[in-house]
Amino acid sequence: MSKIIDITEKLNYEENPRVKIRDKELEVNADAATVLKILGVLGDDRSGVGAGEVLAMYELMFDAKERKKIDALKLNFQDFRTLIFTTISLITGEAPQGEQ
């Protein structure tokens, strides 16, 4: 008979992390499939991430309801990038390279 290890108690599959901007809390899609897609968009050389890649990651990380909240904030592009890369750091547990 094979060995079985129950890891259910170690998993947190019911809660997504959140980021906060002013009085808005935004839920982030942090499931493994989403994070792997984001890492695929980033690739190995993260210094060359352009507007198209930022938009793709935005749509992966935030559902339509959360994107509507973000759109209402009217962030400039640099602040928007800060949101995206800070959120990536939150869900991957590492600071993205090339982002200050």
C-alpha atoms as a PDB file:
ATOM      1  CA  MET A   1       0.000   0.000   0.000  1.00  0.00           C
ATOM      2  CA  SER A   2       1.311   3.432  -0.882  1.00  0.00           C
ATOM      3  CA  LYS A   3       1.947   6.124   1.677  1.00  0.00           C
ATOM      4  CA  ILE A   4      -0.629   8.929   1.923  1.00  0.00           C
ATOM      5  CA  ILE A   5       0.146  12.346   3.377  1.00  0.00           C
ATOM      6  CA  ASP A   6      -2.849  14.609   3.977  1.00  0.00           C
ATOM      7  CA  ILE A   7      -1.807  18.249   3.415  1.00  0.00           C
ATOM      8  CA  THR A   8      -5.323  19.708   3.584  1.00  0.00           C
ATOM      9  CA  GLU A   9      -4.630  21.603   6.821  1.00  0.00           C
ATOM     10  CA  LYS A  10      -1.556  23.236   5.274  1.00  0.00           C
ATOM     11  CA  LEU A  11      -3.419  24.708   2.299  1.00  0.00           C
ATOM     12  CA  ASN A  12      -5.144  28.075   2.125  1.00  0.00           C
ATOM     13  CA  TYR A  13      -7.279  27.579  -0.954  1.00  0.00           C
ATOM     14  CA  GLU A  14     -10.274  29.543   0.260  1.00  0.00           C
ATOM     15  CA  GLU A  15      -8.734  33.011   0.537  1.00  0.00           C
ATOM     16  CA  ASN A  16      -7.164  35.286  -2.031  1.00  0.00           C
ATOM     17  CA  PRO A  17      -4.801  38.055  -0.957  1.00  0.00           C
ATOM     18  CA  ARG A  18      -5.852  41.683  -1.235  1.00  0.00           C
ATOM     19  CA  VAL A  19      -4.141  44.954  -2.009  1.00  0.00           C
ATOM     20  CA  LYS A  20      -5.399  48.268  -0.702  1.00  0.00           C
ATOM     21  CA  ILE A  21      -5.402  51.649  -2.435  1.00  0.00           C
ATOM     22  CA  ARG A  22      -6.942  54.464  -0.433  1.00  0.00           C
ATOM     23  CA  ASP A  23     -10.237  53.051   0.836  1.00  0.00           C
ATOM     24  CA  LYS A  24     -10.496  50.329  -1.827  1.00  0.00           C
ATOM     25  CA  GLU A  25      -9.541  46.726  -1.127  1.00  0.00           C
ATOM     26  CA  LEU A  26      -8.905  44.695  -4.251  1.00  0.00           C
ATOM     27  CA  GLU A  27      -9.016  40.915  -4.287  1.00  0.00           C
ATOM     28  CA  VAL A  28      -6.235  39.310  -6.309  1.00  0.00           C
ATOM     29  CA  ASN A  29      -6.573  36.051  -8.248  1.00  0.00           C
ATOM     30  CA  ALA A  30      -3.718  34.060  -6.749  1.00  0.00           C
ATOM     31  CA  ASP A  31      -4.478  30.509  -7.808  1.00  0.00           C
ATOM     32  CA  ALA A  32      -1.517  28.511  -9.109  1.00  0.00           C
ATOM     33  CA  ALA A  33      -2.700  28.547 -12.728  1.00  0.00           C
ATOM     34  CA  THR A  34      -2.953  32.357 -12.719  1.00  0.00           C
ATOM     35  CA  VAL A  35       0.453  32.783 -11.106  1.00  0.00           C
ATOM     36  CA  LEU A  36       2.056  30.426 -13.628  1.00  0.00           C
ATOM     37  CA  LYS A  37       0.482  32.384 -16.508  1.00  0.00           C
ATOM     38  CA  ILE A  38       1.822  35.629 -15.047  1.00  0.00           C
ATOM     39  CA  LEU A  39       5.290  34.150 -14.687  1.00  0.00           C
ATOM     40  CA  GLY A  40       5.015  33.057 -18.312  1.00  0.00           C
ATOM     41  CA  VAL A  41       4.170  36.616 -19.375  1.00  0.00           C
ATOM     42  CA  LEU A  42       7.106  37.972 -17.362  1.00  0.00           C
ATOM     43  CA  GLY A  43       9.520  35.446 -18.825  1.00  0.00           C
ATOM     44  CA  ASP A  44      13.126  35.156 -17.696  1.00  0.00           C
ATOM     45  CA  ASP A  45      14.079  38.718 -18.640  1.00  0.00           C
ATOM     46  CA  ARG A  46      11.670  40.846 -16.654  1.00  0.00           C
ATOM     47  CA  SER A  47      13.315  44.154 -17.582  1.00  0.00           C
ATOM     48  CA  GLY A  48      11.556  44.318 -20.952  1.00  0.00           C
ATOM     49  CA  VAL A  49       7.953  44.201 -19.752  1.00  0.00           C
ATOM     50  CA  GLY A  50       5.884  46.533 -21.913  1.00  0.00           C
ATOM     51  CA  ALA A  51       2.357  47.902 -21.836  1.00  0.00           C
ATOM     52  CA  GLY A  52       0.882  44.810 -23.500  1.00  0.00           C
ATOM     53  CA  GLU A  53       2.367  42.490 -20.924  1.00  0.00           C
ATOM     54  CA  VAL A  54       1.254  44.751 -18.061  1.00  0.00           C
ATOM     55  CA  LEU A  55      -2.309  44.722 -19.424  1.00  0.00           C
ATOM     56  CA  ALA A  56      -2.273  40.925 -19.794  1.00  0.00           C
ATOM     57  CA  MET A  57      -1.134  40.486 -16.196  1.00  0.00           C
ATOM     58  CA  TYR A  58      -3.736  42.993 -14.980  1.00  0.00           C
ATOM     59  CA  GLU A  59      -6.512  41.004 -16.620  1.00  0.00           C
ATOM     60  CA  LEU A  60      -5.195  37.760 -15.113  1.00  0.00           C
ATOM     61  CA  MET A  61      -4.801  39.069 -11.570  1.00  0.00           C
ATOM     62  CA  PHE A  62      -8.021  41.058 -11.238  1.00  0.00           C
ATOM     63  CA  ASP A  63     -11.503  39.959 -12.241  1.00  0.00           C
ATOM     64  CA  ALA A  64     -13.935  42.364 -13.960  1.00  0.00           C
ATOM     65  CA  LYS A  65     -15.397  43.621 -10.675  1.00  0.00           C
ATOM     66  CA  GLU A  66     -11.962  44.490  -9.261  1.00  0.00           C
ATOM     67  CA  ARG A  67     -10.827  46.049 -12.568  1.00  0.00           C
ATOM     68  CA  LYS A  68     -13.850  48.352 -12.441  1.00  0.00           C
ATOM     69  CA  LYS A  69     -12.729  49.564  -8.992  1.00  0.00           C
ATOM     70  CA  ILE A  70      -9.196  50.105 -10.282  1.00  0.00           C
ATOM     71  CA  ASP A  71     -10.412  51.952 -13.381  1.00  0.00           C
ATOM     72  CA  ALA A  72     -12.398  54.301 -11.124  1.00  0.00           C
ATOM     73  CA  LEU A  73      -9.156  55.274  -9.349  1.00  0.00           C
ATOM     74  CA  LYS A  74      -7.842  56.871 -12.578  1.00  0.00           C
ATOM     75  CA  LEU A  75      -4.240  55.862 -11.839  1.00  0.00           C
ATOM     76  CA  ASN A  76      -1.491  57.240 -14.055  1.00  0.00           C
ATOM     77  CA  PHE A  77       0.550  54.609 -15.896  1.00  0.00           C
ATOM     78  CA  GLN A  78       3.475  54.618 -13.453  1.00  0.00           C
ATOM     79  CA  ASP A  79       1.118  54.113 -10.490  1.00  0.00           C
ATOM     80  CA  PHE A  80      -0.692  51.407 -12.445  1.00  0.00           C
ATOM     81  CA  ARG A  81       2.629  49.603 -13.043  1.00  0.00           C
ATOM     82  CA  THR A  82       3.369  49.924  -9.329  1.00  0.00           C
ATOM     83  CA  LEU A  83       0.037  48.255  -8.576  1.00  0.00           C
ATOM     84  CA  ILE A  84       0.730  45.427 -11.025  1.00  0.00           C
ATOM     85  CA  PHE A  85       4.290  44.699  -9.906  1.00  0.00           C
ATOM     86  CA  THR A  86       3.483  45.026  -6.206  1.00  0.00           C
ATOM     87  CA  THR A  87       0.625  42.578  -6.714  1.00  0.00           C
ATOM     88  CA  ILE A  88       2.948  40.182  -8.540  1.00  0.00           C
ATOM     89  CA  SER A  89       5.317  40.398  -5.588  1.00  0.00           C
ATOM     90  CA  LEU A  90       2.417  39.615  -3.245  1.00  0.00           C
ATOM     91  CA  ILE A  91       1.267  36.498  -5.086  1.00  0.00           C
ATOM     92  CA  THR A  92       4.682  35.085  -5.978  1.00  0.00           C
ATOM     93  CA  GLY A  93       6.477  35.946  -2.756  1.00  0.00           C
ATOM     94  CA  GLU A  94       9.362  37.567  -4.609  1.00  0.00           C
ATOM     95  CA  ALA A  95      10.183  41.094  -5.692  1.00  0.00           C
ATOM     96  CA  PRO A  96      10.007  41.396  -9.497  1.00  0.00           C
ATOM     97  CA  GLN A  97      13.323  42.233 -11.104  1.00  0.00           C
ATOM     98  CA  GLY A  98      13.623  45.556 -12.897  1.00  0.00           C
ATOM     99  CA  GLU A  99      10.892  47.218 -10.852  1.00  0.00           C
ATOM    100  CA  GLN A 100      11.684  49.743  -8.136  1.00  0.00           C
END
